[in-house]
Amino acid sequence: MHRIGVKRAYEPASDDDGRRVLVDRVWPRGVTREALRIDAWLKDLAPSTALRRWFGHDPAKWDQFRRRYAAELDADGAPVAELRRLWRAGPVTLVYGARDEAHNNAVALRDWLRG
C-alpha cells in the first residue's frame, strides 16, 4: 500500500499529501472548502457521536477509545472500503480538525488501517 498520513485541517495542504480525505463528521470551523482542498469527505468514517462525546479528547481514555472506534470501523465496511480504494490508488492524508495531534480519530484510523 501507499503512504497514509494525518494532518490537521488548519495546516496548509501540500502536493505531498496525495488524496486528502476529511474524516470528521463536522466541517472544521473557520476553514473554507478552497483552503481545505479535500478530495473526499468520508463522514461515516468518523466515530459515532456517542463515542466522540464519551472520549472528549481525554488522553486517559485513548486506549479504550481506540478499541471502541476499531469496533465501529469493523462493523461498517462501506466507508472503509472507499478509503481503502483511494489508498490503493496512491498516497492518502487523513484530514481532521481536533487540536490534539496525538489523540484523535485520524491517528486511530491510520493505525487501525496499518494494523
PDB file of N, CA and C in Angstrom:
ATOM      1  N   MET A   1       0.842  -1.191   0.000  1.00  0.00           N
ATOM      2  CA  MET A   1       0.000   0.000   0.000  1.00  0.00           C
ATOM      3  C   MET A   1       0.879   1.244   0.000  1.00  0.00           C
ATOM      4  N   HIS A   2       0.266   2.321  -0.332  1.00  0.00           N
ATOM      5  CA  HIS A   2       0.963   3.607  -0.360  1.00  0.00           C
ATOM      6  C   HIS A   2       1.013   4.226   1.037  1.00  0.00           C
ATOM      7  N   ARG A   3       1.648   5.364   1.118  1.00  0.00           N
ATOM      8  CA  ARG A   3       1.744   6.098   2.378  1.00  0.00           C
ATOM      9  C   ARG A   3       0.364   6.606   2.799  1.00  0.00           C
ATOM     10  N   ILE A   4       0.121   6.551   4.101  1.00  0.00           N
ATOM     11  CA  ILE A   4      -1.094   7.153   4.650  1.00  0.00           C
ATOM     12  C   ILE A   4      -0.662   8.044   5.809  1.00  0.00           C
ATOM     13  N   GLY A   5      -1.004   9.319   5.727  1.00  0.00           N
ATOM     14  CA  GLY A   5      -0.604  10.279   6.739  1.00  0.00           C
ATOM     15  C   GLY A   5      -1.800  10.926   7.391  1.00  0.00           C
ATOM     16  N   VAL A   6      -1.532  11.772   8.368  1.00  0.00           N
ATOM     17  CA  VAL A   6      -2.573  12.550   9.029  1.00  0.00           C
ATOM     18  C   VAL A   6      -2.132  14.003   9.080  1.00  0.00           C
ATOM     19  N   LYS A   7      -3.110  14.899   9.009  1.00  0.00           N
ATOM     20  CA  LYS A   7      -2.796  16.329   9.023  1.00  0.00           C
ATOM     21  C   LYS A   7      -4.003  17.098   9.539  1.00  0.00           C
ATOM     22  N   ARG A   8      -3.726  18.088  10.369  1.00  0.00           N
ATOM     23  CA  ARG A   8      -4.801  18.960  10.855  1.00  0.00           C
ATOM     24  C   ARG A   8      -5.378  19.769   9.700  1.00  0.00           C
ATOM     25  N   ALA A   9      -6.642  20.037   9.767  1.00  0.00           N
ATOM     26  CA  ALA A   9      -7.323  20.827   8.744  1.00  0.00           C
ATOM     27  C   ALA A   9      -6.776  22.244   8.677  1.00  0.00           C
ATOM     28  N   TYR A  10      -6.140  22.693   9.750  1.00  0.00           N
ATOM     29  CA  TYR A  10      -5.655  24.072   9.826  1.00  0.00           C
ATOM     30  C   TYR A  10      -4.221  24.217   9.318  1.00  0.00           C
ATOM     31  N   GLU A  11      -3.608  23.110   8.921  1.00  0.00           N
ATOM     32  CA  GLU A  11      -2.291  23.151   8.292  1.00  0.00           C
ATOM     33  C   GLU A  11      -2.495  23.275   6.788  1.00  0.00           C
ATOM     34  N   PRO A  12      -1.597  23.983   6.100  1.00  0.00           N
ATOM     35  CA  PRO A  12      -1.769  24.122   4.659  1.00  0.00           C
ATOM     36  C   PRO A  12      -1.615  22.782   3.934  1.00  0.00           C
ATOM     37  N   ALA A  13      -2.392  22.623   2.890  1.00  0.00           N
ATOM     38  CA  ALA A  13      -2.269  21.441   2.042  1.00  0.00           C
ATOM     39  C   ALA A  13      -0.949  21.507   1.286  1.00  0.00           C
ATOM     40  N   SER A  14      -0.419  20.334   0.954  1.00  0.00           N
ATOM     41  CA  SER A  14       0.803  20.297   0.155  1.00  0.00           C
ATOM     42  C   SER A  14       0.664  19.240  -0.929  1.00  0.00           C
ATOM     43  N   ASP A  15       1.492  19.346  -1.933  1.00  0.00           N
ATOM     44  CA  ASP A  15       1.449  18.379  -3.034  1.00  0.00           C
ATOM     45  C   ASP A  15       1.812  16.975  -2.558  1.00  0.00           C
ATOM     46  N   ASP A  16       2.561  16.868  -1.467  1.00  0.00           N
ATOM     47  CA  ASP A  16       2.959  15.567  -0.930  1.00  0.00           C
ATOM     48  C   ASP A  16       1.818  14.836  -0.226  1.00  0.00           C
ATOM     49  N   ASP A  17       0.703  15.518   0.008  1.00  0.00           N
ATOM     50  CA  ASP A  17      -0.409  14.909   0.736  1.00  0.00           C
ATOM     51  C   ASP A  17      -1.084  13.777  -0.029  1.00  0.00           C
ATOM     52  N   GLY A  18      -0.988  13.774  -1.339  1.00  0.00           N
ATOM     53  CA  GLY A  18      -1.755  12.805  -2.119  1.00  0.00           C
ATOM     54  C   GLY A  18      -3.232  13.154  -2.027  1.00  0.00           C
ATOM     55  N   ARG A  19      -4.070  12.132  -1.980  1.00  0.00           N
ATOM     56  CA  ARG A  19      -5.505  12.367  -1.822  1.00  0.00           C
ATOM     57  C   ARG A  19      -5.776  12.808  -0.395  1.00  0.00           C
ATOM     58  N   ARG A  20      -6.494  13.902  -0.251  1.00  0.00           N
ATOM     59  CA  ARG A  20      -6.833  14.433   1.070  1.00  0.00           C
ATOM     60  C   ARG A  20      -8.272  14.044   1.407  1.00  0.00           C
ATOM     61  N   VAL A  21      -8.426  13.339   2.527  1.00  0.00           N
ATOM     62  CA  VAL A  21      -9.732  12.818   2.923  1.00  0.00           C
ATOM     63  C   VAL A  21     -10.087  13.351   4.308  1.00  0.00           C
ATOM     64  N   LEU A  22     -11.154  14.135   4.378  1.00  0.00           N
ATOM     65  CA  LEU A  22     -11.655  14.628   5.661  1.00  0.00           C
ATOM     66  C   LEU A  22     -12.381  13.481   6.350  1.00  0.00           C
ATOM     67  N   VAL A  23     -11.971  13.174   7.593  1.00  0.00           N
ATOM     68  CA  VAL A  23     -12.540  12.033   8.312  1.00  0.00           C
ATOM     69  C   VAL A  23     -13.276  12.463   9.580  1.00  0.00           C
ATOM     70  N   ASP A  24     -13.765  13.689   9.609  1.00  0.00           N
ATOM     71  CA  ASP A  24     -14.575  14.191  10.717  1.00  0.00           C
ATOM     72  C   ASP A  24     -16.039  14.252  10.289  1.00  0.00           C
ATOM     73  N   ARG A  25     -16.925  14.136  11.255  1.00  0.00           N
ATOM     74  CA  ARG A  25     -18.357  14.188  10.960  1.00  0.00           C
ATOM     75  C   ARG A  25     -18.824  15.615  10.674  1.00  0.00           C
ATOM     76  N   VAL A  26     -18.130  16.599  11.263  1.00  0.00           N
ATOM     77  CA  VAL A  26     -18.493  18.002  11.043  1.00  0.00           C
ATOM     78  C   VAL A  26     -17.342  18.737  10.355  1.00  0.00           C
ATOM     79  N   TRP A  27     -17.691  19.745   9.589  1.00  0.00           N
ATOM     80  CA  TRP A  27     -16.695  20.545   8.868  1.00  0.00           C
ATOM     81  C   TRP A  27     -15.848  21.329   9.870  1.00  0.00           C
ATOM     82  N   PRO A  28     -14.544  21.398   9.675  1.00  0.00           N
ATOM     83  CA  PRO A  28     -13.685  22.158  10.599  1.00  0.00           C
ATOM     84  C   PRO A  28     -14.057  23.637  10.614  1.00  0.00           C
ATOM     85  N   ARG A  29     -14.201  24.175  11.787  1.00  0.00           N
ATOM     86  CA  ARG A  29     -14.635  25.555  11.973  1.00  0.00           C
ATOM     87  C   ARG A  29     -13.646  26.539  11.347  1.00  0.00           C
ATOM     88  N   GLY A  30     -14.181  27.478  10.579  1.00  0.00           N
ATOM     89  CA  GLY A  30     -13.378  28.567  10.041  1.00  0.00           C
ATOM     90  C   GLY A  30     -12.507  28.229   8.854  1.00  0.00           C
ATOM     91  N   VAL A  31     -12.672  27.046   8.274  1.00  0.00           N
ATOM     92  CA  VAL A  31     -11.852  26.648   7.120  1.00  0.00           C
ATOM     93  C   VAL A  31     -12.750  26.581   5.884  1.00  0.00           C
ATOM     94  N   THR A  32     -12.339  27.241   4.829  1.00  0.00           N
ATOM     95  CA  THR A  32     -13.127  27.206   3.594  1.00  0.00           C
ATOM     96  C   THR A  32     -12.826  25.929   2.811  1.00  0.00           C
ATOM     97  N   ARG A  33     -13.732  25.582   1.942  1.00  0.00           N
ATOM     98  CA  ARG A  33     -13.541  24.408   1.082  1.00  0.00           C
ATOM     99  C   ARG A  33     -12.281  24.574   0.232  1.00  0.00           C
ATOM    100  N   GLU A  34     -12.057  25.793  -0.250  1.00  0.00           N
ATOM    101  CA  GLU A  34     -10.881  26.044  -1.084  1.00  0.00           C
ATOM    102  C   GLU A  34      -9.588  25.848  -0.290  1.00  0.00           C
ATOM    103  N   ALA A  35      -9.570  26.319   0.945  1.00  0.00           N
ATOM    104  CA  ALA A  35      -8.368  26.187   1.778  1.00  0.00           C
ATOM    105  C   ALA A  35      -8.114  24.733   2.183  1.00  0.00           C
ATOM    106  N   LEU A  36      -9.188  23.986   2.405  1.00  0.00           N
ATOM    107  CA  LEU A  36      -9.033  22.608   2.870  1.00  0.00           C
ATOM    108  C   LEU A  36      -8.547  21.678   1.754  1.00  0.00           C
ATOM    109  N   ARG A  37      -8.984  21.952   0.542  1.00  0.00           N
ATOM    110  CA  ARG A  37      -8.540  21.178  -0.634  1.00  0.00           C
ATOM    111  C   ARG A  37      -8.676  19.667  -0.439  1.00  0.00           C
ATOM    112  N   ILE A  38      -9.874  19.222  -0.063  1.00  0.00           N
ATOM    113  CA  ILE A  38     -10.080  17.788   0.123  1.00  0.00           C
ATOM    114  C   ILE A  38     -10.560  17.150  -1.172  1.00  0.00           C
ATOM    115  N   ASP A  39     -10.247  15.874  -1.311  1.00  0.00           N
ATOM    116  CA  ASP A  39     -10.710  15.080  -2.448  1.00  0.00           C
ATOM    117  C   ASP A  39     -11.955  14.288  -2.096  1.00  0.00           C
ATOM    118  N   ALA A  40     -12.136  14.020  -0.797  1.00  0.00           N
ATOM    119  CA  ALA A  40     -13.310  13.274  -0.340  1.00  0.00           C
ATOM    120  C   ALA A  40     -13.589  13.639   1.110  1.00  0.00           C
ATOM    121  N   TRP A  41     -14.873  13.594   1.460  1.00  0.00           N
ATOM    122  CA  TRP A  41     -15.285  13.792   2.841  1.00  0.00           C
ATOM    123  C   TRP A  41     -16.048  12.540   3.242  1.00  0.00           C
ATOM    124  N   LEU A  42     -15.396  11.677   3.993  1.00  0.00           N
ATOM    125  CA  LEU A  42     -15.999  10.414   4.403  1.00  0.00           C
ATOM    126  C   LEU A  42     -16.471  10.530   5.855  1.00  0.00           C
ATOM    127  N   LYS A  43     -17.619  11.183   6.026  1.00  0.00           N
ATOM    128  CA  LYS A  43     -18.187  11.440   7.354  1.00  0.00           C
ATOM    129  C   LYS A  43     -18.419  10.154   8.138  1.00  0.00           C
ATOM    130  N   ASP A  44     -18.804   9.096   7.410  1.00  0.00           N
ATOM    131  CA  ASP A  44     -19.153   7.856   8.094  1.00  0.00           C
ATOM    132  C   ASP A  44     -17.940   7.116   8.654  1.00  0.00           C
ATOM    133  N   LEU A  45     -16.728   7.597   8.346  1.00  0.00           N
ATOM    134  CA  LEU A  45     -15.528   7.039   8.970  1.00  0.00           C
ATOM    135  C   LEU A  45     -15.280   7.648  10.346  1.00  0.00           C
ATOM    136  N   ALA A  46     -15.938   8.743  10.640  1.00  0.00           N
ATOM    137  CA  ALA A  46     -15.764   9.402  11.943  1.00  0.00           C
ATOM    138  C   ALA A  46     -16.388   8.536  13.035  1.00  0.00           C
ATOM    139  N   PRO A  47     -15.888   8.654  14.255  1.00  0.00           N
ATOM    140  CA  PRO A  47     -16.528   7.930  15.361  1.00  0.00           C
ATOM    141  C   PRO A  47     -17.971   8.382  15.525  1.00  0.00           C
ATOM    142  N   SER A  48     -18.787   7.507  16.070  1.00  0.00           N
ATOM    143  CA  SER A  48     -20.172   7.877  16.346  1.00  0.00           C
ATOM    144  C   SER A  48     -20.186   9.083  17.291  1.00  0.00           C
ATOM    145  N   THR A  49     -21.271   9.807  17.260  1.00  0.00           N
ATOM    146  CA  THR A  49     -21.408  10.967  18.139  1.00  0.00           C
ATOM    147  C   THR A  49     -21.273  10.554  19.594  1.00  0.00           C
ATOM    148  N   ALA A  50     -21.885   9.424  19.950  1.00  0.00           N
ATOM    149  CA  ALA A  50     -21.810   8.956  21.338  1.00  0.00           C
ATOM    150  C   ALA A  50     -20.364   8.658  21.736  1.00  0.00           C
ATOM    151  N   LEU A  51     -19.606   8.007  20.873  1.00  0.00           N
ATOM    152  CA  LEU A  51     -18.215   7.686  21.186  1.00  0.00           C
ATOM    153  C   LEU A  51     -17.367   8.951  21.261  1.00  0.00           C
ATOM    154  N   ARG A  52     -17.583   9.849  20.328  1.00  0.00           N
ATOM    155  CA  ARG A  52     -16.820  11.107  20.313  1.00  0.00           C
ATOM    156  C   ARG A  52     -17.074  11.898  21.604  1.00  0.00           C
ATOM    157  N   ARG A  53     -18.317  11.981  22.018  1.00  0.00           N
ATOM    158  CA  ARG A  53     -18.642  12.717  23.251  1.00  0.00           C
ATOM    159  C   ARG A  53     -18.058  12.020  24.477  1.00  0.00           C
ATOM    160  N   TRP A  54     -18.134  10.685  24.509  1.00  0.00           N
ATOM    161  CA  TRP A  54     -17.570   9.950  25.633  1.00  0.00           C
ATOM    162  C   TRP A  54     -16.064  10.205  25.732  1.00  0.00           C
ATOM    163  N   PHE A  55     -15.369  10.151  24.616  1.00  0.00           N
ATOM    164  CA  PHE A  55     -13.918  10.333  24.598  1.00  0.00           C
ATOM    165  C   PHE A  55     -13.529  11.740  25.016  1.00  0.00           C
ATOM    166  N   GLY A  56     -14.135  12.737  24.412  1.00  0.00           N
ATOM    167  CA  GLY A  56     -13.852  14.127  24.763  1.00  0.00           C
ATOM    168  C   GLY A  56     -12.386  14.508  24.655  1.00  0.00           C
ATOM    169  N   HIS A  57     -11.632  13.811  23.823  1.00  0.00           N
ATOM    170  CA  HIS A  57     -10.191  14.056  23.628  1.00  0.00           C
ATOM    171  C   HIS A  57      -9.410  13.968  24.942  1.00  0.00           C
ATOM    172  N   ASP A  58      -9.860  13.073  25.820  1.00  0.00           N
ATOM    173  CA  ASP A  58      -9.183  12.839  27.092  1.00  0.00           C
ATOM    174  C   ASP A  58      -8.106  11.775  26.874  1.00  0.00           C
ATOM    175  N   PRO A  59      -6.828  12.139  26.938  1.00  0.00           N
ATOM    176  CA  PRO A  59      -5.762  11.158  26.704  1.00  0.00           C
ATOM    177  C   PRO A  59      -5.844   9.929  27.614  1.00  0.00           C
ATOM    178  N   ALA A  60      -6.425  10.074  28.799  1.00  0.00           N
ATOM    179  CA  ALA A  60      -6.569   8.933  29.704  1.00  0.00           C
ATOM    180  C   ALA A  60      -7.508   7.867  29.134  1.00  0.00           C
ATOM    181  N   LYS A  61      -8.398   8.266  28.221  1.00  0.00           N
ATOM    182  CA  LYS A  61      -9.352   7.334  27.607  1.00  0.00           C
ATOM    183  C   LYS A  61      -8.882   6.837  26.235  1.00  0.00           C
ATOM    184  N   TRP A  62      -7.678   7.191  25.822  1.00  0.00           N
ATOM    185  CA  TRP A  62      -7.192   6.929  24.472  1.00  0.00           C
ATOM    186  C   TRP A  62      -7.233   5.449  24.091  1.00  0.00           C
ATOM    187  N   ASP A  63      -6.682   4.576  24.923  1.00  0.00           N
ATOM    188  CA  ASP A  63      -6.648   3.153  24.567  1.00  0.00           C
ATOM    189  C   ASP A  63      -8.055   2.575  24.417  1.00  0.00           C
ATOM    190  N   GLN A  64      -8.940   2.938  25.344  1.00  0.00           N
ATOM    191  CA  GLN A  64     -10.320   2.460  25.263  1.00  0.00           C
ATOM    192  C   GLN A  64     -11.027   3.059  24.044  1.00  0.00           C
ATOM    193  N   PHE A  65     -10.768   4.329  23.750  1.00  0.00           N
ATOM    194  CA  PHE A  65     -11.351   4.952  22.568  1.00  0.00           C
ATOM    195  C   PHE A  65     -10.925   4.191  21.308  1.00  0.00           C
ATOM    196  N   ARG A  66      -9.649   3.889  21.210  1.00  0.00           N
ATOM    197  CA  ARG A  66      -9.152   3.172  20.021  1.00  0.00           C
ATOM    198  C   ARG A  66      -9.841   1.822  19.857  1.00  0.00           C
ATOM    199  N   ARG A  67     -10.040   1.097  20.945  1.00  0.00           N
ATOM    200  CA  ARG A  67     -10.714  -0.206  20.865  1.00  0.00           C
ATOM    201  C   ARG A  67     -12.171  -0.039  20.416  1.00  0.00           C
ATOM    202  N   ARG A  68     -12.866   0.926  21.014  1.00  0.00           N
ATOM    203  CA  ARG A  68     -14.276   1.140  20.663  1.00  0.00           C
ATOM    204  C   ARG A  68     -14.414   1.637  19.219  1.00  0.00           C
ATOM    205  N   TYR A  69     -13.526   2.511  18.815  1.00  0.00           N
ATOM    206  CA  TYR A  69     -13.565   3.034  17.439  1.00  0.00           C
ATOM    207  C   TYR A  69     -13.265   1.917  16.448  1.00  0.00           C
ATOM    208  N   ALA A  70     -12.300   1.059  16.760  1.00  0.00           N
ATOM    209  CA  ALA A  70     -11.991  -0.083  15.886  1.00  0.00           C
ATOM    210  C   ALA A  70     -13.217  -0.974  15.727  1.00  0.00           C
ATOM    211  N   ALA A  71     -13.966  -1.183  16.796  1.00  0.00           N
ATOM    212  CA  ALA A  71     -15.180  -1.998  16.715  1.00  0.00           C
ATOM    213  C   ALA A  71     -16.202  -1.343  15.788  1.00  0.00           C
ATOM    214  N   GLU A  72     -16.322  -0.017  15.859  1.00  0.00           N
ATOM    215  CA  GLU A  72     -17.239   0.680  14.946  1.00  0.00           C
ATOM    216  C   GLU A  72     -16.771   0.529  13.500  1.00  0.00           C
ATOM    217  N   LEU A  73     -15.477   0.668  13.264  1.00  0.00           N
ATOM    218  CA  LEU A  73     -14.950   0.537  11.901  1.00  0.00           C
ATOM    219  C   LEU A  73     -15.138  -0.882  11.373  1.00  0.00           C
ATOM    220  N   ASP A  74     -14.940  -1.877  12.218  1.00  0.00           N
ATOM    221  CA  ASP A  74     -15.123  -3.274  11.806  1.00  0.00           C
ATOM    222  C   ASP A  74     -16.565  -3.553  11.408  1.00  0.00           C
ATOM    223  N   ALA A  75     -17.510  -2.853  12.035  1.00  0.00           N
ATOM    224  CA  ALA A  75     -18.932  -3.107  11.803  1.00  0.00           C
ATOM    225  C   ALA A  75     -19.476  -2.403  10.565  1.00  0.00           C
ATOM    226  N   ASP A  76     -18.784  -1.415  10.027  1.00  0.00           N
ATOM    227  CA  ASP A  76     -19.310  -0.620   8.914  1.00  0.00           C
ATOM    228  C   ASP A  76     -18.324  -0.631   7.754  1.00  0.00           C
ATOM    229  N   GLY A  77     -18.489  -1.571   6.849  1.00  0.00           N
ATOM    230  CA  GLY A  77     -17.500  -1.788   5.804  1.00  0.00           C
ATOM    231  C   GLY A  77     -17.487  -0.822   4.642  1.00  0.00           C
ATOM    232  N   ALA A  78     -18.607  -0.182   4.296  1.00  0.00           N
ATOM    233  CA  ALA A  78     -18.666   0.638   3.079  1.00  0.00           C
ATOM    234  C   ALA A  78     -17.716   1.834   3.111  1.00  0.00           C
ATOM    235  N   PRO A  79     -17.718   2.665   4.151  1.00  0.00           N
ATOM    236  CA  PRO A  79     -16.792   3.803   4.158  1.00  0.00           C
ATOM    237  C   PRO A  79     -15.331   3.352   4.206  1.00  0.00           C
ATOM    238  N   VAL A  80     -15.065   2.273   4.920  1.00  0.00           N
ATOM    239  CA  VAL A  80     -13.701   1.748   4.992  1.00  0.00           C
ATOM    240  C   VAL A  80     -13.265   1.265   3.613  1.00  0.00           C
ATOM    241  N   ALA A  81     -14.159   0.616   2.895  1.00  0.00           N
ATOM    242  CA  ALA A  81     -13.837   0.134   1.544  1.00  0.00           C
ATOM    243  C   ALA A  81     -13.512   1.299   0.614  1.00  0.00           C
ATOM    244  N   GLU A  82     -14.246   2.398   0.734  1.00  0.00           N
ATOM    245  CA  GLU A  82     -13.978   3.573  -0.094  1.00  0.00           C
ATOM    246  C   GLU A  82     -12.603   4.151   0.222  1.00  0.00           C
ATOM    247  N   LEU A  83     -12.260   4.240   1.492  1.00  0.00           N
ATOM    248  CA  LEU A  83     -10.945   4.756   1.876  1.00  0.00           C
ATOM    249  C   LEU A  83      -9.843   3.827   1.377  1.00  0.00           C
ATOM    250  N   ARG A  84     -10.029   2.530   1.518  1.00  0.00           N
ATOM    251  CA  ARG A  84      -9.014   1.579   1.030  1.00  0.00           C
ATOM    252  C   ARG A  84      -8.836   1.693  -0.485  1.00  0.00           C
ATOM    253  N   ARG A  85      -9.918   1.943  -1.207  1.00  0.00           N
ATOM    254  CA  ARG A  85      -9.835   2.118  -2.661  1.00  0.00           C
ATOM    255  C   ARG A  85      -8.957   3.325  -2.996  1.00  0.00           C
ATOM    256  N   LEU A  86      -9.174   4.432  -2.294  1.00  0.00           N
ATOM    257  CA  LEU A  86      -8.364   5.630  -2.511  1.00  0.00           C
ATOM    258  C   LEU A  86      -6.900   5.365  -2.162  1.00  0.00           C
ATOM    259  N   TRP A  87      -6.677   4.635  -1.092  1.00  0.00           N
ATOM    260  CA  TRP A  87      -5.331   4.335  -0.607  1.00  0.00           C
ATOM    261  C   TRP A  87      -4.576   3.428  -1.567  1.00  0.00           C
ATOM    262  N   ARG A  88      -5.283   2.470  -2.179  1.00  0.00           N
ATOM    263  CA  ARG A  88      -4.628   1.602  -3.171  1.00  0.00           C
ATOM    264  C   ARG A  88      -4.178   2.389  -4.394  1.00  0.00           C
ATOM    265  N   ALA A  89      -4.876   3.485  -4.698  1.00  0.00           N
ATOM    266  CA  ALA A  89      -4.572   4.284  -5.892  1.00  0.00           C
ATOM    267  C   ALA A  89      -3.372   5.212  -5.687  1.00  0.00           C
ATOM    268  N   GLY A  90      -3.011   5.498  -4.428  1.00  0.00           N
ATOM    269  CA  GLY A  90      -1.888   6.394  -4.176  1.00  0.00           C
ATOM    270  C   GLY A  90      -1.870   6.863  -2.742  1.00  0.00           C
ATOM    271  N   PRO A  91      -0.938   7.748  -2.402  1.00  0.00           N
ATOM    272  CA  PRO A  91      -0.845   8.253  -1.032  1.00  0.00           C
ATOM    273  C   PRO A  91      -2.131   8.961  -0.599  1.00  0.00           C
ATOM    274  N   VAL A  92      -2.434   8.843   0.678  1.00  0.00           N
ATOM    275  CA  VAL A  92      -3.638   9.457   1.256  1.00  0.00           C
ATOM    276  C   VAL A  92      -3.243  10.187   2.532  1.00  0.00           C
ATOM    277  N   THR A  93      -3.851  11.341   2.745  1.00  0.00           N
ATOM    278  CA  THR A  93      -3.716  12.065   4.007  1.00  0.00           C
ATOM    279  C   THR A  93      -5.090  12.188   4.644  1.00  0.00           C
ATOM    280  N   LEU A  94      -5.209  11.704   5.879  1.00  0.00           N
ATOM    281  CA  LEU A  94      -6.445  11.815   6.633  1.00  0.00           C
ATOM    282  C   LEU A  94      -6.458  13.182   7.312  1.00  0.00           C
ATOM    283  N   VAL A  95      -7.451  13.977   6.996  1.00  0.00           N
ATOM    284  CA  VAL A  95      -7.545  15.351   7.493  1.00  0.00           C
ATOM    285  C   VAL A  95      -8.556  15.387   8.637  1.00  0.00           C
ATOM    286  N   TYR A  96      -8.176  16.066   9.732  1.00  0.00           N
ATOM    287  CA  TYR A  96      -9.016  16.138  10.926  1.00  0.00           C
ATOM    288  C   TYR A  96      -8.949  17.542  11.511  1.00  0.00           C
ATOM    289  N   GLY A  97      -9.897  17.871  12.369  1.00  0.00           N
ATOM    290  CA  GLY A  97      -9.952  19.208  12.940  1.00  0.00           C
ATOM    291  C   GLY A  97      -9.532  19.318  14.395  1.00  0.00           C
ATOM    292  N   ALA A  98      -9.346  18.215  15.098  1.00  0.00           N
ATOM    293  CA  ALA A  98      -9.042  18.254  16.530  1.00  0.00           C
ATOM    294  C   ALA A  98      -7.736  18.988  16.819  1.00  0.00           C
ATOM    295  N   ARG A  99      -7.653  19.571  18.005  1.00  0.00           N
ATOM    296  CA  ARG A  99      -6.433  20.279  18.421  1.00  0.00           C
ATOM    297  C   ARG A  99      -5.318  19.310  18.796  1.00  0.00           C
ATOM    298  N   ASP A 100      -5.687  18.220  19.452  1.00  0.00           N
ATOM    299  CA  ASP A 100      -4.713  17.243  19.937  1.00  0.00           C
ATOM    300  C   ASP A 100      -4.193  16.423  18.755  1.00  0.00           C
ATOM    301  N   GLU A 101      -2.921  16.585  18.447  1.00  0.00           N
ATOM    302  CA  GLU A 101      -2.342  15.930  17.276  1.00  0.00           C
ATOM    303  C   GLU A 101      -1.996  14.464  17.517  1.00  0.00           C
ATOM    304  N   ALA A 102      -1.997  14.027  18.768  1.00  0.00           N
ATOM    305  CA  ALA A 102      -1.635  12.646  19.079  1.00  0.00           C
ATOM    306  C   ALA A 102      -2.839  11.768  19.412  1.00  0.00           C
ATOM    307  N   HIS A 103      -3.925  12.373  19.891  1.00  0.00           N
ATOM    308  CA  HIS A 103      -5.091  11.616  20.348  1.00  0.00           C
ATOM    309  C   HIS A 103      -6.328  12.088  19.595  1.00  0.00           C
ATOM    310  N   ASN A 104      -6.517  11.601  18.395  1.00  0.00           N
ATOM    311  CA  ASN A 104      -7.682  11.973  17.592  1.00  0.00           C
ATOM    312  C   ASN A 104      -8.079  10.816  16.698  1.00  0.00           C
ATOM    313  N   ASN A 105      -9.258  10.910  16.103  1.00  0.00           N
ATOM    314  CA  ASN A 105      -9.770   9.808  15.304  1.00  0.00           C
ATOM    315  C   ASN A 105      -8.933   9.518  14.061  1.00  0.00           C
ATOM    316  N   ALA A 106      -8.297  10.527  13.467  1.00  0.00           N
ATOM    317  CA  ALA A 106      -7.480  10.285  12.272  1.00  0.00           C
ATOM    318  C   ALA A 106      -6.267   9.421  12.616  1.00  0.00           C
ATOM    319  N   VAL A 107      -5.633   9.681  13.747  1.00  0.00           N
ATOM    320  CA  VAL A 107      -4.495   8.859  14.185  1.00  0.00           C
ATOM    321  C   VAL A 107      -4.962   7.427  14.463  1.00  0.00           C
ATOM    322  N   ALA A 108      -6.071   7.305  15.166  1.00  0.00           N
ATOM    323  CA  ALA A 108      -6.600   5.967  15.468  1.00  0.00           C
ATOM    324  C   ALA A 108      -6.973   5.229  14.185  1.00  0.00           C
ATOM    325  N   LEU A 109      -7.577   5.924  13.235  1.00  0.00           N
ATOM    326  CA  LEU A 109      -7.956   5.325  11.965  1.00  0.00           C
ATOM    327  C   LEU A 109      -6.720   4.888  11.178  1.00  0.00           C
ATOM    328  N   ARG A 110      -5.721   5.748  11.091  1.00  0.00           N
ATOM    329  CA  ARG A 110      -4.484   5.399  10.395  1.00  0.00           C
ATOM    330  C   ARG A 110      -3.847   4.139  10.998  1.00  0.00           C
ATOM    331  N   ASP A 111      -3.755   4.111  12.318  1.00  0.00           N
ATOM    332  CA  ASP A 111      -3.152   2.956  12.989  1.00  0.00           C
ATOM    333  C   ASP A 111      -3.971   1.690  12.757  1.00  0.00           C
ATOM    334  N   TRP A 112      -5.289   1.811  12.784  1.00  0.00           N
ATOM    335  CA  TRP A 112      -6.175   0.663  12.540  1.00  0.00           C
ATOM    336  C   TRP A 112      -5.983   0.150  11.115  1.00  0.00           C
ATOM    337  N   LEU A 113      -5.880   1.051  10.158  1.00  0.00           N
ATOM    338  CA  LEU A 113      -5.674   0.637   8.764  1.00  0.00           C
ATOM    339  C   LEU A 113      -4.334  -0.071   8.579  1.00  0.00           C
ATOM    340  N   ARG A 114      -3.313   0.414   9.236  1.00  0.00           N
ATOM    341  CA  ARG A 114      -1.983  -0.185   9.133  1.00  0.00           C
ATOM    342  C   ARG A 114      -1.925  -1.554   9.826  1.00  0.00           C
ATOM    343  N   GLY A 115      -2.774  -1.712  10.850  1.00  0.00           N
ATOM    344  CA  GLY A 115      -2.732  -2.927  11.673  1.00  0.00           C
ATOM    345  C   GLY A 115      -3.189  -4.139  10.937  1.00  0.00           C
TER     346      GLY A 115
END
